Amino acid sequence: MEYKVVPFVAAIDHKKGTSDHVAQQLEALINEYASKGWIYIRLEGVSTYVGPDNGCFRFGGKSGYTTARQMVVFSK
């Protein structure tokens, strides 16, 4: 069995966007890969730690932080 994992980031208008808009974008992504023979498995959340950046000569540094991404898992 072969797997493919692709990122999913929904883009909606902050004033009039709804969960329906997010669902439509996810559906479009699933249908796109289904047309290429991939079978949707699930939407998976992945957390990761981004290390601190000391900046140039210690100026403009940024603290480390944890971030989360959504990944769509397909199989073939």
Protein backbone atom coordinates (compact mmCIF):
# COMPACT_ATOMS: atom_id res chain seq x y z
CA MET A 1 0.00 0.00 0.00
CA GLU A 2 1.21 3.49 -0.85
CA TYR A 3 0.37 6.65 1.13
CA LYS A 4 0.33 10.34 0.29
CA VAL A 5 0.07 13.12 2.87
CA VAL A 6 -0.72 16.68 1.76
CA PRO A 7 -1.21 19.83 3.84
CA PHE A 8 -4.67 21.33 4.15
CA VAL A 9 -5.04 25.02 4.95
CA ALA A 10 -8.52 26.44 4.48
CA ALA A 11 -8.75 30.02 3.24
CA ILE A 12 -11.94 31.89 4.10
CA ASP A 13 -13.04 35.48 4.37
CA HIS A 14 -12.95 36.38 8.06
CA LYS A 15 -16.19 38.38 7.78
CA LYS A 16 -18.43 36.09 5.77
CA GLY A 17 -16.62 32.74 5.65
CA THR A 18 -18.39 29.75 7.18
CA SER A 19 -17.60 26.16 8.04
CA ASP A 20 -19.39 25.27 4.79
CA HIS A 21 -16.63 27.10 2.88
CA VAL A 22 -14.00 25.05 4.71
CA ALA A 23 -15.90 21.83 3.97
CA GLN A 24 -16.12 22.74 0.27
CA GLN A 25 -12.35 23.30 0.09
CA LEU A 26 -11.63 19.98 1.79
CA GLU A 27 -14.13 18.23 -0.49
CA ALA A 28 -12.44 19.75 -3.56
CA LEU A 29 -9.03 18.53 -2.36
CA ILE A 30 -10.37 15.02 -1.71
CA ASN A 31 -12.07 14.91 -5.13
CA GLU A 32 -8.90 16.16 -6.85
CA TYR A 33 -6.84 13.30 -5.42
CA ALA A 34 -9.66 10.76 -5.90
CA SER A 35 -9.62 11.57 -9.63
CA LYS A 36 -5.92 10.54 -9.57
CA GLY A 37 -6.73 7.20 -7.93
CA TRP A 38 -6.04 8.13 -4.29
CA ILE A 39 -8.45 7.07 -1.53
CA TYR A 40 -9.10 9.49 1.33
CA ILE A 41 -8.18 8.06 4.74
CA ARG A 42 -8.45 10.92 7.24
CA LEU A 43 -7.58 14.48 8.27
CA GLU A 44 -4.73 14.40 10.77
CA GLY A 45 -3.48 17.17 13.06
CA VAL A 46 0.31 17.45 13.43
CA SER A 47 2.00 19.61 16.09
CA THR A 48 5.61 20.68 15.83
CA TYR A 49 8.03 22.93 17.69
CA VAL A 50 9.70 25.73 15.74
CA GLY A 51 13.01 26.58 17.39
CA PRO A 52 14.00 30.11 18.38
CA ASP A 53 15.77 32.43 15.96
CA ASN A 54 18.53 34.47 17.57
CA GLY A 55 18.50 37.04 14.79
CA CYS A 56 21.52 38.75 13.29
CA PHE A 57 24.01 39.70 16.01
CA ARG A 58 21.26 38.80 18.53
CA PHE A 59 18.99 41.63 17.26
CA GLY A 60 15.46 40.87 16.07
CA GLY A 61 15.41 37.39 17.57
CA LYS A 62 12.19 35.41 17.94
CA SER A 63 11.18 32.94 20.62
CA GLY A 64 10.42 29.35 19.76
CA TYR A 65 6.80 28.25 19.54
CA THR A 66 4.56 25.26 18.90
CA THR A 67 2.39 25.22 15.81
CA ALA A 68 -0.25 22.85 14.44
CA ARG A 69 -0.96 21.85 10.84
CA GLN A 70 -3.71 19.79 9.25
CA MET A 71 -2.65 17.00 6.90
CA VAL A 72 -4.89 14.97 4.60
CA VAL A 73 -3.93 11.30 4.35
CA PHE A 74 -4.62 9.29 1.18
CA SER A 75 -3.75 5.73 0.15
CA LYS A 76 -3.52 3.83 -3.10
